[in-house]
Amino acid sequence: MSDIYKKSTKASAHYKQGIAKAFSNVFKNEGFSVGPRISLQYMGLAFYKPIFEKLEGKLIPAHSSAGLAGICTGITQAVTLVTPLEMIKVRQQTEMVQNQKDRKYHGLINTASIIVRQEGITKLYSGLLATVARQSWGLLVKFSAYVELKAMFQRNLGSPDTPLQPWQHMFSGGMANVLVGVLNSPPDVVKTRMQDAERTYKSTWDCIKTMAKQEGLTSFFRGSWLRIIRIAPGGAIQFAVYEQLLILLNSKK
């Protein structure tokens, strides 16, 4: 059995302690980063989508503005915030699985300072390419799916100007995140492997080839079920709040 597989099995066992324990660990390790990351996500949608809407049918295909806004937002997220924060998160989670007693990392600032001091500031951007791919592809799927699901409800109402109910926004947002949980799993898994302190991969492409050869294609979807359980309710709430804020802001213009 390979060392890579042993690490994956160990990490899986860590989360088999139960759903409640898994959620507790996710919140403990991701709590700080969730707020800024989500805020940047919807700021990106509000900023980029109107720009691309003006170009639809002229320079870009129709119905492509949401997807392109997702790509641009994903790049912005990965470069400015997500890659360093997730590098820190992965280091903490890996250590928690492998070494329960003598822990090296304690908190966000402490972990970042140790990585920078011992490995250099560029180490915080390990896995940047995989993170850009994951964020861009994930938000392309998320924004495009949400817009199309909203359009489906609008067609059933018979008028594009009829406002949707909050539950329709929640359904569209939740289902969009279900798709993200499945389709965005491969780049997320690769990104996590690249940020592991004990990784043996030479590059992102080497990681992909090694995983496919040694663990099979299903390894790229490991943890998808937990990801769906975690992000689907969040997507429902986030998009419903986003739509209400847009209504509020537009009413004040």
Protein backbone atom coordinates (compact mmCIF):
# COMPACT_ATOMS: atom_id res chain seq x y z
CA MET A 1 0.00 0.00 0.00
CA SER A 2 1.48 3.37 -1.01
CA ASP A 3 2.26 6.15 1.50
CA ILE A 4 -0.13 8.42 -0.39
CA TYR A 5 -2.98 5.95 0.04
CA LYS A 6 -2.18 5.51 3.73
CA LYS A 7 -2.42 9.27 4.27
CA SER A 8 -5.75 9.42 2.45
CA THR A 9 -7.10 6.49 4.48
CA LYS A 10 -5.97 8.13 7.68
CA ALA A 11 -7.66 11.38 6.74
CA SER A 12 -10.85 9.54 5.82
CA ALA A 13 -10.83 7.73 9.15
CA HIS A 14 -10.53 11.07 10.89
CA TYR A 15 -13.85 12.14 9.38
CA LYS A 16 -15.56 8.79 9.96
CA GLN A 17 -15.93 9.77 13.60
CA GLY A 18 -19.32 11.09 12.61
CA ILE A 19 -21.03 13.92 10.72
CA ALA A 20 -21.24 16.14 13.80
CA LYS A 21 -17.52 15.72 14.49
CA ALA A 22 -16.71 16.37 10.83
CA PHE A 23 -18.72 19.59 10.82
CA SER A 24 -17.06 20.61 14.09
CA ASN A 25 -13.62 20.13 12.54
CA VAL A 26 -14.60 22.00 9.36
CA PHE A 27 -15.92 24.97 11.35
CA LYS A 28 -12.89 24.98 13.65
CA ASN A 29 -10.41 25.02 10.77
CA GLU A 30 -12.36 27.07 8.21
CA GLY A 31 -14.39 29.45 10.35
CA PHE A 32 -12.13 32.48 9.89
CA SER A 33 -11.72 32.12 6.14
CA VAL A 34 -15.35 31.47 5.22
CA GLY A 35 -16.59 35.05 5.76
CA PRO A 36 -14.03 36.92 3.63
CA ARG A 37 -14.07 34.21 0.95
CA ILE A 38 -17.86 34.26 0.57
CA SER A 39 -17.97 38.07 0.63
CA LEU A 40 -15.38 38.25 -2.13
CA GLN A 41 -17.33 35.66 -4.11
CA TYR A 42 -20.56 37.65 -4.23
CA MET A 43 -18.75 40.96 -4.65
CA GLY A 44 -17.14 39.39 -7.71
CA LEU A 45 -20.53 38.29 -9.08
CA ALA A 46 -21.99 41.77 -8.56
CA PHE A 47 -18.92 43.44 -10.12
CA TYR A 48 -18.02 41.21 -13.08
CA LYS A 49 -21.45 40.01 -14.27
CA PRO A 50 -22.80 43.46 -15.31
CA ILE A 51 -19.58 44.09 -17.26
CA PHE A 52 -19.95 40.87 -19.25
CA GLU A 53 -23.72 41.36 -19.71
CA LYS A 54 -22.97 44.48 -21.76
CA LEU A 55 -20.79 42.38 -24.06
CA GLU A 56 -23.22 39.49 -24.58
CA GLY A 57 -24.25 39.07 -28.18
CA LYS A 58 -21.45 41.41 -29.28
CA LEU A 59 -18.07 40.11 -28.19
CA ILE A 60 -19.13 37.07 -26.17
CA PRO A 61 -21.89 34.43 -26.62
CA ALA A 62 -25.34 34.96 -25.12
CA HIS A 63 -25.89 33.59 -21.60
CA SER A 64 -22.16 33.49 -20.90
CA SER A 65 -21.87 36.46 -18.56
CA ALA A 66 -22.46 34.43 -15.36
CA GLY A 67 -19.84 31.83 -16.27
CA LEU A 68 -17.23 34.43 -17.23
CA ALA A 69 -17.96 36.35 -14.02
CA GLY A 70 -17.33 33.10 -12.15
CA ILE A 71 -13.97 32.58 -13.87
CA CYS A 72 -12.80 36.13 -13.10
CA THR A 73 -14.04 35.92 -9.52
CA GLY A 74 -12.29 32.58 -9.07
CA ILE A 75 -8.97 33.98 -10.25
CA THR A 76 -9.39 37.01 -7.97
CA GLN A 77 -10.18 34.78 -4.99
CA ALA A 78 -7.30 32.38 -5.58
CA VAL A 79 -4.65 35.06 -5.99
CA THR A 80 -5.70 37.47 -3.24
CA LEU A 81 -7.07 35.26 -0.47
CA VAL A 82 -7.91 31.60 -0.93
CA THR A 83 -4.52 30.04 -1.75
CA PRO A 84 -2.67 31.33 1.36
CA LEU A 85 -5.60 30.66 3.69
CA GLU A 86 -6.12 27.15 2.41
CA MET A 87 -2.41 26.41 2.55
CA ILE A 88 -2.58 27.25 6.26
CA LYS A 89 -5.77 25.23 6.72
CA VAL A 90 -4.35 22.14 5.00
CA ARG A 91 -1.18 22.28 7.11
CA GLN A 92 -3.26 22.43 10.31
CA GLN A 93 -5.60 19.64 9.24
CA THR A 94 -2.77 17.37 8.08
CA GLU A 95 -0.94 17.81 11.35
CA MET A 96 -4.14 17.18 13.32
CA VAL A 97 -4.60 13.84 11.54
CA GLN A 98 -0.96 12.73 11.74
CA ASN A 99 0.10 14.10 15.12
CA GLN A 100 -2.52 14.51 17.83
CA LYS A 101 -0.07 15.23 20.71
CA ASP A 102 2.92 17.37 19.76
CA ARG A 103 1.37 19.92 17.44
CA LYS A 104 3.53 22.45 15.63
CA TYR A 105 0.85 24.80 14.33
CA HIS A 106 -1.50 26.80 16.56
CA GLY A 107 -3.85 29.27 14.92
CA LEU A 108 -3.84 31.24 11.68
CA ILE A 109 -1.10 33.79 12.43
CA ASN A 110 1.16 31.25 14.13
CA THR A 111 0.90 28.80 11.23
CA ALA A 112 1.52 31.50 8.61
CA SER A 113 4.56 32.85 10.45
CA ILE A 114 6.12 29.37 10.81
CA ILE A 115 5.62 28.60 7.11
CA VAL A 116 7.09 31.96 6.01
CA ARG A 117 10.01 31.74 8.43
CA GLN A 118 10.97 28.15 7.65
CA GLU A 119 9.98 27.79 3.98
CA GLY A 120 9.63 31.31 2.57
CA ILE A 121 6.61 33.44 1.72
CA THR A 122 6.20 31.82 -1.70
CA LYS A 123 5.32 28.57 0.09
CA LEU A 124 1.97 30.12 1.00
CA TYR A 125 1.19 30.00 -2.73
CA SER A 126 1.91 26.31 -3.21
CA GLY A 127 -0.87 24.86 -5.32
CA LEU A 128 -1.80 28.25 -6.80
CA LEU A 129 -2.44 26.80 -10.27
CA ALA A 130 -4.69 24.07 -8.85
CA THR A 131 -6.49 26.62 -6.67
CA VAL A 132 -7.08 28.95 -9.61
CA ALA A 133 -8.47 26.01 -11.59
CA ARG A 134 -10.68 24.91 -8.71
CA GLN A 135 -12.04 28.38 -7.90
CA SER A 136 -12.61 29.40 -11.52
CA TRP A 137 -14.22 26.13 -12.58
CA GLY A 138 -16.28 25.92 -9.38
CA LEU A 139 -17.65 29.46 -9.70
CA LEU A 140 -18.28 29.01 -13.42
CA VAL A 141 -20.46 26.01 -12.55
CA LYS A 142 -22.04 27.72 -9.55
CA PHE A 143 -22.97 31.03 -11.17
CA SER A 144 -24.06 29.48 -14.48
CA ALA A 145 -26.20 26.83 -12.79
CA TYR A 146 -27.80 29.38 -10.48
CA VAL A 147 -28.69 31.73 -13.33
CA GLU A 148 -30.13 28.89 -15.44
CA LEU A 149 -32.19 27.51 -12.55
CA LYS A 150 -33.53 31.01 -11.87
CA ALA A 151 -34.39 31.33 -15.57
CA MET A 152 -36.30 28.05 -15.36
CA PHE A 153 -38.48 29.45 -12.59
CA GLN A 154 -38.96 32.69 -14.54
CA ARG A 155 -40.13 30.78 -17.62
CA ASN A 156 -42.68 28.91 -15.52
CA LEU A 157 -43.99 32.24 -14.22
CA GLY A 158 -44.39 33.43 -17.81
CA SER A 159 -42.66 36.77 -17.24
CA PRO A 160 -38.96 37.59 -16.79
CA ASP A 161 -39.90 40.63 -14.70
CA THR A 162 -41.90 38.72 -12.08
CA PRO A 163 -39.84 38.52 -8.88
CA LEU A 164 -39.06 35.05 -7.58
CA GLN A 165 -39.90 33.89 -4.07
CA PRO A 166 -37.06 33.45 -1.54
CA TRP A 167 -37.53 29.66 -1.59
CA GLN A 168 -36.89 29.66 -5.34
CA HIS A 169 -33.61 31.51 -4.84
CA MET A 170 -32.72 29.04 -2.07
CA PHE A 171 -33.51 26.02 -4.23
CA SER A 172 -31.48 27.41 -7.15
CA GLY A 173 -28.52 28.22 -4.90
CA GLY A 174 -28.59 24.87 -3.12
CA MET A 175 -28.77 22.83 -6.33
CA ALA A 176 -26.02 24.93 -7.91
CA ASN A 177 -23.77 24.03 -4.99
CA VAL A 178 -24.64 20.34 -5.32
CA LEU A 179 -23.25 20.48 -8.86
CA VAL A 180 -20.18 22.30 -7.58
CA GLY A 181 -19.64 19.63 -4.93
CA VAL A 182 -19.41 16.93 -7.61
CA LEU A 183 -17.87 18.70 -10.61
CA ASN A 184 -15.35 20.73 -8.61
CA SER A 185 -14.06 17.80 -6.58
CA PRO A 186 -11.08 16.86 -8.82
CA PRO A 187 -9.28 20.24 -8.70
CA ASP A 188 -10.07 20.53 -4.99
CA VAL A 189 -8.51 17.14 -4.23
CA VAL A 190 -5.43 17.96 -6.33
CA LYS A 191 -5.07 21.34 -4.64
CA THR A 192 -5.19 19.72 -1.20
CA ARG A 193 -2.58 17.13 -2.17
CA MET A 194 -0.26 19.85 -3.48
CA GLN A 195 -0.48 21.77 -0.18
CA ASP A 196 0.28 18.76 2.02
CA ALA A 197 3.55 19.33 3.88
CA GLU A 198 4.68 15.75 3.12
CA ARG A 199 3.72 15.73 -0.56
CA THR A 200 6.05 14.00 -2.98
CA TYR A 201 4.71 15.50 -6.20
CA LYS A 202 6.99 17.54 -8.46
CA SER A 203 4.16 19.57 -10.00
CA THR A 204 0.39 19.79 -10.34
CA TRP A 205 0.50 17.63 -13.48
CA ASP A 206 2.69 15.08 -11.70
CA CYS A 207 0.14 14.95 -8.89
CA ILE A 208 -2.70 14.28 -11.35
CA LYS A 209 -0.76 11.52 -13.15
CA THR A 210 0.35 9.87 -9.90
CA MET A 211 -3.14 9.86 -8.41
CA ALA A 212 -4.70 8.45 -11.58
CA LYS A 213 -2.06 5.71 -11.84
CA GLN A 214 -1.81 4.67 -8.18
CA GLU A 215 -5.31 5.33 -6.85
CA GLY A 216 -7.61 5.40 -9.85
CA LEU A 217 -9.96 8.07 -11.18
CA THR A 218 -12.34 7.70 -8.23
CA SER A 219 -9.66 9.21 -5.97
CA PHE A 220 -10.39 12.61 -7.55
CA PHE A 221 -13.92 12.47 -6.09
CA ARG A 222 -12.93 11.42 -2.58
CA GLY A 223 -14.90 13.41 0.00
CA SER A 224 -17.52 14.67 -2.48
CA TRP A 225 -20.41 13.56 -0.29
CA LEU A 226 -19.12 15.55 2.68
CA ARG A 227 -18.47 18.57 0.45
CA ILE A 228 -22.07 18.46 -0.85
CA ILE A 229 -23.50 18.19 2.66
CA ARG A 230 -21.38 21.14 3.74
CA ILE A 231 -21.89 23.56 0.84
CA ALA A 232 -25.45 22.90 -0.42
CA PRO A 233 -27.23 24.54 2.56
CA GLY A 234 -24.72 27.39 2.45
CA GLY A 235 -25.43 28.05 -1.22
CA ALA A 236 -29.16 28.17 -0.56
CA ILE A 237 -28.79 30.73 2.22
CA GLN A 238 -26.09 32.80 0.51
CA PHE A 239 -27.95 33.30 -2.76
CA ALA A 240 -31.21 34.12 -0.97
CA VAL A 241 -29.42 36.76 1.10
CA TYR A 242 -27.58 38.04 -1.99
CA GLU A 243 -30.84 38.52 -3.90
CA GLN A 244 -32.49 40.33 -0.98
CA LEU A 245 -29.50 42.65 -0.65
CA LEU A 246 -29.65 43.42 -4.37
CA ILE A 247 -33.35 44.29 -4.05
CA LEU A 248 -32.58 46.51 -1.06
CA LEU A 249 -29.71 48.30 -2.80
CA ASN A 250 -31.67 48.79 -6.03
CA SER A 251 -34.60 50.25 -4.13
CA LYS A 252 -32.33 52.97 -2.71
CA LYS A 253 -31.01 54.13 -6.08
